[in-house]
Protein backbone atom coordinates (compact mmCIF):
# COMPACT_ATOMS: atom_id res chain seq x y z
CA UNK A 1 171.98 151.35 167.88
CA UNK A 2 173.31 154.94 166.57
CA UNK A 3 172.57 157.76 169.07
CA UNK A 4 170.05 160.14 167.12
CA UNK A 5 167.73 157.27 166.34
CA UNK A 6 167.40 156.69 170.13
CA UNK A 7 167.18 159.88 170.23
CA UNK A 8 163.88 160.64 168.09
CA UNK A 9 163.01 156.74 169.85
CA UNK A 10 162.88 158.58 172.88
CA UNK A 11 161.22 162.20 171.59
CA UNK A 12 158.33 160.15 169.63
CA UNK A 13 157.24 157.68 172.58
CA UNK A 14 157.27 160.75 175.59
CA UNK A 15 153.93 162.01 173.42
CA UNK A 16 151.99 158.55 172.62
CA UNK A 17 150.21 158.66 174.87
CA UNK A 18 148.81 162.23 173.50
CA UNK A 19 148.69 160.98 169.67
CA UNK A 20 146.73 157.86 171.19
CA UNK A 21 144.57 160.05 173.22
CA UNK A 22 143.61 161.79 170.68
CA UNK A 23 142.83 159.43 167.82
CA UNK A 24 140.41 158.31 171.15
CA UNK A 25 138.81 161.47 170.86
CA UNK A 26 137.89 161.08 167.73
CA UNK A 27 136.66 157.79 167.10
CA UNK A 28 134.64 158.73 170.68
CA UNK A 29 133.07 161.73 168.48
CA UNK A 30 132.48 160.29 165.76
CA UNK A 31 130.72 156.30 167.35
CA UNK A 32 127.68 159.10 168.64
CA UNK A 33 128.41 161.42 165.90
CA UNK A 34 126.88 157.98 163.64
CA UNK A 35 124.67 157.28 166.98
CA UNK A 36 122.94 160.38 166.46
CA UNK A 37 122.25 161.22 163.10
CA UNK A 38 121.31 157.49 162.88
CA UNK A 39 118.94 158.56 165.15
CA UNK A 40 117.52 161.16 162.76
CA UNK A 41 117.15 159.08 160.24
CA UNK A 42 114.82 156.12 162.31
CA UNK A 43 112.97 159.17 163.81
CA UNK A 44 112.20 160.72 160.50
CA UNK A 45 111.73 157.10 158.82
CA UNK A 46 108.77 156.77 161.25
CA UNK A 47 107.01 160.02 160.95
CA UNK A 48 107.16 159.88 156.59
CA UNK A 49 105.63 156.07 157.23
CA UNK A 50 102.71 158.27 159.59
CA UNK A 51 102.53 160.49 156.89
CA UNK A 52 102.14 158.28 154.67
CA UNK A 53 99.49 156.47 156.88
CA UNK A 54 97.69 158.84 157.79
CA UNK A 55 97.07 160.46 153.65
CA UNK A 56 96.48 156.31 152.73
CA UNK A 57 93.37 157.00 155.29
CA UNK A 58 92.43 160.23 154.16
CA UNK A 59 92.25 159.09 150.44
CA UNK A 60 91.08 155.55 151.22
CA UNK A 61 94.18 154.14 149.19
CA UNK A 62 96.48 152.23 150.91
CA UNK A 63 100.13 153.04 150.60
CA UNK A 64 102.92 150.58 150.94
């Protein structure tokens, strides 16, 4: 292998743990964000259902 390629591979391999850690942090943040959004969506669906039930009881209509 050429000396230039050896030097480039040495530089890249020294930085690999930082790149891997950066991607790990990025994926972890993405998973946390998606889980928070899903929790909020589920909570809002429950609240909408409660409001629909309340309106149905007050009007005597069945809201589907």
